[in-house]
Amino acid sequence: MVKNVGVPVIAEGGIHYPEQLRQSLNAGALCAVVGGAITRPQEITQRFVSVLKR
Protein backbone atom coordinates (compact mmCIF):
# COMPACT_ATOMS: atom_id res chain seq x y z
CA MET A 1 0.00 0.00 0.00
CA VAL A 2 2.78 2.44 0.91
CA LYS A 3 4.29 2.12 -2.57
CA ASN A 4 0.96 2.59 -4.35
CA VAL A 5 -0.69 5.55 -2.61
CA GLY A 6 2.05 8.15 -2.95
CA VAL A 7 1.34 9.78 0.41
CA PRO A 8 2.58 9.05 3.94
CA VAL A 9 0.80 6.11 5.57
CA ILE A 10 -0.03 5.92 9.27
CA ALA A 11 -0.65 2.40 10.58
CA GLU A 12 -3.58 2.21 13.00
CA GLY A 13 -5.53 -0.57 14.63
CA GLY A 14 -4.56 -3.98 15.86
CA ILE A 15 -1.08 -3.03 17.02
CA HIS A 16 -0.89 -4.76 20.39
CA TYR A 17 2.70 -6.01 20.44
CA PRO A 18 6.05 -4.45 19.61
CA GLU A 19 6.58 -6.94 16.80
CA GLN A 20 3.45 -5.62 15.09
CA LEU A 21 4.77 -2.08 15.36
CA ARG A 22 8.10 -3.16 13.88
CA GLN A 23 6.30 -4.88 10.98
CA SER A 24 4.29 -1.73 10.28
CA LEU A 25 7.37 0.48 10.24
CA ASN A 26 9.36 -2.02 8.18
CA ALA A 27 6.50 -2.08 5.66
CA GLY A 28 6.95 1.66 5.20
CA ALA A 29 4.47 3.28 7.55
CA LEU A 30 5.57 6.75 8.57
CA CYS A 31 4.30 6.16 12.09
CA ALA A 32 1.75 4.08 13.96
CA VAL A 33 -1.10 4.64 16.41
CA VAL A 34 -1.04 2.39 19.45
CA GLY A 35 -4.36 3.31 21.05
CA GLY A 36 -4.47 0.57 23.66
CA ALA A 37 -1.34 2.03 25.25
CA ILE A 38 -3.47 4.41 27.31
CA THR A 39 -4.89 1.57 29.39
CA ARG A 40 -1.57 0.29 30.74
CA PRO A 41 0.95 2.95 29.74
CA GLN A 42 3.97 1.87 31.75
CA GLU A 43 3.74 -1.81 30.83
CA ILE A 44 3.04 -1.24 27.17
CA THR A 45 5.57 1.57 26.78
CA GLN A 46 8.32 -0.61 28.23
CA ARG A 47 7.55 -3.37 25.70
CA PHE A 48 7.81 -0.94 22.81
CA VAL A 49 10.92 0.84 24.06
CA SER A 50 12.79 -2.43 24.56
CA VAL A 51 12.11 -3.47 20.96
CA LEU A 52 12.93 -0.11 19.43
CA LYS A 53 16.28 -0.01 21.24
CA ARG A 54 17.43 -3.18 19.43
PDB file of N, CA and C in Angstrom:
ATOM      1  N   MET A   1       0.823  -1.187   0.000  1.00  0.00           N
ATOM      2  CA  MET A   1       0.000   0.000   0.000  1.00  0.00           C
ATOM      3  C   MET A   1       0.869   1.253   0.000  1.00  0.00           C
ATOM      4  N   VAL A   2       1.908   1.262   0.803  1.00  0.00           N
ATOM      5  CA  VAL A   2       2.775   2.436   0.906  1.00  0.00           C
ATOM      6  C   VAL A   2       3.317   2.829  -0.467  1.00  0.00           C
ATOM      7  N   LYS A   3       3.717   1.844  -1.248  1.00  0.00           N
ATOM      8  CA  LYS A   3       4.287   2.118  -2.568  1.00  0.00           C
ATOM      9  C   LYS A   3       3.245   2.636  -3.551  1.00  0.00           C
ATOM     10  N   ASN A   4       1.984   2.270  -3.360  1.00  0.00           N
ATOM     11  CA  ASN A   4       0.959   2.593  -4.350  1.00  0.00           C
ATOM     12  C   ASN A   4       0.203   3.887  -4.104  1.00  0.00           C
ATOM     13  N   VAL A   5       0.156   4.390  -2.882  1.00  0.00           N
ATOM     14  CA  VAL A   5      -0.688   5.552  -2.610  1.00  0.00           C
ATOM     15  C   VAL A   5       0.014   6.892  -2.805  1.00  0.00           C
ATOM     16  N   GLY A   6       1.326   6.918  -2.691  1.00  0.00           N
ATOM     17  CA  GLY A   6       2.049   8.152  -2.951  1.00  0.00           C
ATOM     18  C   GLY A   6       1.948   9.216  -1.865  1.00  0.00           C
ATOM     19  N   VAL A   7       1.422   8.863  -0.723  1.00  0.00           N
ATOM     20  CA  VAL A   7       1.340   9.785   0.414  1.00  0.00           C
ATOM     21  C   VAL A   7       1.789   9.034   1.661  1.00  0.00           C
ATOM     22  N   PRO A   8       2.189   9.745   2.710  1.00  0.00           N
ATOM     23  CA  PRO A   8       2.582   9.053   3.941  1.00  0.00           C
ATOM     24  C   PRO A   8       1.442   8.208   4.499  1.00  0.00           C
ATOM     25  N   VAL A   9       1.787   7.041   5.015  1.00  0.00           N
ATOM     26  CA  VAL A   9       0.800   6.115   5.574  1.00  0.00           C
ATOM     27  C   VAL A   9       1.020   6.007   7.083  1.00  0.00           C
ATOM     28  N   ILE A  10      -0.071   6.106   7.830  1.00  0.00           N
ATOM     29  CA  ILE A  10      -0.034   5.920   9.274  1.00  0.00           C
ATOM     30  C   ILE A  10      -0.752   4.612   9.583  1.00  0.00           C
ATOM     31  N   ALA A  11      -0.042   3.680  10.207  1.00  0.00           N
ATOM     32  CA  ALA A  11      -0.648   2.400  10.583  1.00  0.00           C
ATOM     33  C   ALA A  11      -1.503   2.620  11.826  1.00  0.00           C
ATOM     34  N   GLU A  12      -2.687   2.037  11.848  1.00  0.00           N
ATOM     35  CA  GLU A  12      -3.576   2.211  12.996  1.00  0.00           C
ATOM     36  C   GLU A  12      -4.471   0.999  13.133  1.00  0.00           C
ATOM     37  N   GLY A  13      -4.618   0.535  14.359  1.00  0.00           N
ATOM     38  CA  GLY A  13      -5.528  -0.569  14.627  1.00  0.00           C
ATOM     39  C   GLY A  13      -4.824  -1.902  14.689  1.00  0.00           C
ATOM     40  N   GLY A  14      -5.087  -2.632  15.735  1.00  0.00           N
ATOM     41  CA  GLY A  14      -4.563  -3.981  15.861  1.00  0.00           C
ATOM     42  C   GLY A  14      -3.089  -4.079  16.212  1.00  0.00           C
ATOM     43  N   ILE A  15      -2.496  -2.987  16.640  1.00  0.00           N
ATOM     44  CA  ILE A  15      -1.080  -3.028  17.020  1.00  0.00           C
ATOM     45  C   ILE A  15      -1.023  -3.194  18.535  1.00  0.00           C
ATOM     46  N   HIS A  16      -0.866  -4.438  18.963  1.00  0.00           N
ATOM     47  CA  HIS A  16      -0.887  -4.758  20.388  1.00  0.00           C
ATOM     48  C   HIS A  16       0.480  -5.160  20.922  1.00  0.00           C
ATOM     49  N   TYR A  17       1.389  -5.519  20.031  1.00  0.00           N
ATOM     50  CA  TYR A  17       2.702  -6.013  20.438  1.00  0.00           C
ATOM     51  C   TYR A  17       3.794  -5.278  19.678  1.00  0.00           C
ATOM     52  N   PRO A  18       4.955  -5.147  20.278  1.00  0.00           N
ATOM     53  CA  PRO A  18       6.047  -4.448  19.609  1.00  0.00           C
ATOM     54  C   PRO A  18       6.396  -5.028  18.237  1.00  0.00           C
ATOM     55  N   GLU A  19       6.270  -6.320  18.093  1.00  0.00           N
ATOM     56  CA  GLU A  19       6.578  -6.944  16.801  1.00  0.00           C
ATOM     57  C   GLU A  19       5.646  -6.421  15.705  1.00  0.00           C
ATOM     58  N   GLN A  20       4.396  -6.164  16.063  1.00  0.00           N
ATOM     59  CA  GLN A  20       3.446  -5.618  15.093  1.00  0.00           C
ATOM     60  C   GLN A  20       3.817  -4.190  14.702  1.00  0.00           C
ATOM     61  N   LEU A  21       4.302  -3.425  15.663  1.00  0.00           N
ATOM     62  CA  LEU A  21       4.775  -2.079  15.361  1.00  0.00           C
ATOM     63  C   LEU A  21       5.966  -2.153  14.418  1.00  0.00           C
ATOM     64  N   ARG A  22       6.914  -3.011  14.719  1.00  0.00           N
ATOM     65  CA  ARG A  22       8.099  -3.156  13.876  1.00  0.00           C
ATOM     66  C   ARG A  22       7.703  -3.546  12.461  1.00  0.00           C
ATOM     67  N   GLN A  23       6.758  -4.469  12.308  1.00  0.00           N
ATOM     68  CA  GLN A  23       6.298  -4.881  10.977  1.00  0.00           C
ATOM     69  C   GLN A  23       5.694  -3.697  10.223  1.00  0.00           C
ATOM     70  N   SER A  24       4.913  -2.899  10.914  1.00  0.00           N
ATOM     71  CA  SER A  24       4.291  -1.727  10.281  1.00  0.00           C
ATOM     72  C   SER A  24       5.335  -0.741   9.788  1.00  0.00           C
ATOM     73  N   LEU A  25       6.319  -0.457  10.632  1.00  0.00           N
ATOM     74  CA  LEU A  25       7.368   0.483  10.240  1.00  0.00           C
ATOM     75  C   LEU A  25       8.248  -0.094   9.142  1.00  0.00           C
ATOM     76  N   ASN A  26       8.561  -1.373   9.227  1.00  0.00           N
ATOM     77  CA  ASN A  26       9.363  -2.018   8.177  1.00  0.00           C
ATOM     78  C   ASN A  26       8.630  -2.047   6.843  1.00  0.00           C
ATOM     79  N   ALA A  27       7.299  -2.077   6.883  1.00  0.00           N
ATOM     80  CA  ALA A  27       6.501  -2.085   5.660  1.00  0.00           C
ATOM     81  C   ALA A  27       6.398  -0.688   5.046  1.00  0.00           C
ATOM     82  N   GLY A  28       6.916   0.315   5.760  1.00  0.00           N
ATOM     83  CA  GLY A  28       6.953   1.657   5.195  1.00  0.00           C
ATOM     84  C   GLY A  28       6.037   2.670   5.836  1.00  0.00           C
ATOM     85  N   ALA A  29       5.318   2.298   6.879  1.00  0.00           N
ATOM     86  CA  ALA A  29       4.469   3.277   7.551  1.00  0.00           C
ATOM     87  C   ALA A  29       5.327   4.392   8.133  1.00  0.00           C
ATOM     88  N   LEU A  30       4.857   5.606   8.013  1.00  0.00           N
ATOM     89  CA  LEU A  30       5.573   6.749   8.565  1.00  0.00           C
ATOM     90  C   LEU A  30       5.579   6.697  10.090  1.00  0.00           C
ATOM     91  N   CYS A  31       4.447   6.304  10.647  1.00  0.00           N
ATOM     92  CA  CYS A  31       4.299   6.159  12.092  1.00  0.00           C
ATOM     93  C   CYS A  31       3.118   5.235  12.346  1.00  0.00           C
ATOM     94  N   ALA A  32       2.833   4.993  13.629  1.00  0.00           N
ATOM     95  CA  ALA A  32       1.746   4.082  13.965  1.00  0.00           C
ATOM     96  C   ALA A  32       1.015   4.588  15.203  1.00  0.00           C
ATOM     97  N   VAL A  33      -0.264   4.295  15.263  1.00  0.00           N
ATOM     98  CA  VAL A  33      -1.096   4.638  16.409  1.00  0.00           C
ATOM     99  C   VAL A  33      -1.255   3.386  17.256  1.00  0.00           C
ATOM    100  N   VAL A  34      -0.897   3.504  18.517  1.00  0.00           N
ATOM    101  CA  VAL A  34      -1.042   2.389  19.447  1.00  0.00           C
ATOM    102  C   VAL A  34      -2.047   2.838  20.508  1.00  0.00           C
ATOM    103  N   GLY A  35      -3.321   2.781  20.188  1.00  0.00           N
ATOM    104  CA  GLY A  35      -4.362   3.309  21.053  1.00  0.00           C
ATOM    105  C   GLY A  35      -4.506   2.612  22.383  1.00  0.00           C
ATOM    106  N   GLY A  36      -4.317   1.312  22.419  1.00  0.00           N
ATOM    107  CA  GLY A  36      -4.466   0.573  23.663  1.00  0.00           C
ATOM    108  C   GLY A  36      -3.436   0.935  24.709  1.00  0.00           C
ATOM    109  N   ALA A  37      -2.407   1.675  24.316  1.00  0.00           N
ATOM    110  CA  ALA A  37      -1.343   2.028  25.247  1.00  0.00           C
ATOM    111  C   ALA A  37      -1.849   2.894  26.393  1.00  0.00           C
ATOM    112  N   ILE A  38      -2.986   3.531  26.235  1.00  0.00           N
ATOM    113  CA  ILE A  38      -3.469   4.407  27.311  1.00  0.00           C
ATOM    114  C   ILE A  38      -4.026   3.624  28.492  1.00  0.00           C
ATOM    115  N   THR A  39      -4.310   2.347  28.294  1.00  0.00           N
ATOM    116  CA  THR A  39      -4.895   1.574  29.395  1.00  0.00           C
ATOM    117  C   THR A  39      -3.859   1.034  30.363  1.00  0.00           C
ATOM    118  N   ARG A  40      -2.661   0.778  29.895  1.00  0.00           N
ATOM    119  CA  ARG A  40      -1.565   0.291  30.742  1.00  0.00           C
ATOM    120  C   ARG A  40      -0.267   0.933  30.258  1.00  0.00           C
ATOM    121  N   PRO A  41      -0.146   2.240  30.395  1.00  0.00           N
ATOM    122  CA  PRO A  41       0.945   2.954  29.736  1.00  0.00           C
ATOM    123  C   PRO A  41       2.344   2.500  30.124  1.00  0.00           C
ATOM    124  N   GLN A  42       2.608   2.253  31.379  1.00  0.00           N
ATOM    125  CA  GLN A  42       3.967   1.872  31.748  1.00  0.00           C
ATOM    126  C   GLN A  42       4.349   0.508  31.197  1.00  0.00           C
ATOM    127  N   GLU A  43       3.461  -0.455  31.320  1.00  0.00           N
ATOM    128  CA  GLU A  43       3.741  -1.809  30.832  1.00  0.00           C
ATOM    129  C   GLU A  43       3.918  -1.825  29.319  1.00  0.00           C
ATOM    130  N   ILE A  44       3.006  -1.218  28.636  1.00  0.00           N
ATOM    131  CA  ILE A  44       3.042  -1.244  27.171  1.00  0.00           C
ATOM    132  C   ILE A  44       4.205  -0.419  26.641  1.00  0.00           C
ATOM    133  N   THR A  45       4.458   0.736  27.231  1.00  0.00           N
ATOM    134  CA  THR A  45       5.571   1.567  26.784  1.00  0.00           C
ATOM    135  C   THR A  45       6.890   0.829  26.926  1.00  0.00           C
ATOM    136  N   GLN A  46       7.085   0.137  28.019  1.00  0.00           N
ATOM    137  CA  GLN A  46       8.324  -0.613  28.225  1.00  0.00           C
ATOM    138  C   GLN A  46       8.517  -1.678  27.150  1.00  0.00           C
ATOM    139  N   ARG A  47       7.445  -2.365  26.768  1.00  0.00           N
ATOM    140  CA  ARG A  47       7.548  -3.367  25.702  1.00  0.00           C
ATOM    141  C   ARG A  47       8.036  -2.736  24.406  1.00  0.00           C
ATOM    142  N   PHE A  48       7.455  -1.598  24.061  1.00  0.00           N
ATOM    143  CA  PHE A  48       7.813  -0.942  22.811  1.00  0.00           C
ATOM    144  C   PHE A  48       9.224  -0.371  22.855  1.00  0.00           C
ATOM    145  N   VAL A  49       9.586   0.259  23.939  1.00  0.00           N
ATOM    146  CA  VAL A  49      10.923   0.842  24.058  1.00  0.00           C
ATOM    147  C   VAL A  49      11.990  -0.233  23.957  1.00  0.00           C
ATOM    148  N   SER A  50      11.780  -1.366  24.603  1.00  0.00           N
ATOM    149  CA  SER A  50      12.789  -2.429  24.564  1.00  0.00           C
ATOM    150  C   SER A  50      13.009  -2.947  23.142  1.00  0.00           C
ATOM    151  N   VAL A  51      11.964  -3.004  22.345  1.00  0.00           N
ATOM    152  CA  VAL A  51      12.115  -3.475  20.965  1.00  0.00           C
ATOM    153  C   VAL A  51      12.768  -2.399  20.093  1.00  0.00           C
ATOM    154  N   LEU A  52      12.388  -1.163  20.267  1.00  0.00           N
ATOM    155  CA  LEU A  52      12.930  -0.108  19.426  1.00  0.00           C
ATOM    156  C   LEU A  52      14.396   0.167  19.721  1.00  0.00           C
ATOM    157  N   LYS A  53      14.869  -0.205  20.897  1.00  0.00           N
ATOM    158  CA  LYS A  53      16.284  -0.011  21.238  1.00  0.00           C
ATOM    159  C   LYS A  53      17.183  -1.051  20.587  1.00  0.00           C
ATOM    160  N   ARG A  54      16.617  -2.118  20.043  1.00  0.00           N
ATOM    161  CA  ARG A  54      17.425  -3.182  19.434  1.00  0.00           C
ATOM    162  C   ARG A  54      18.110  -2.728  18.190  1.00  0.00           C
TER     163      ARG A  54
END
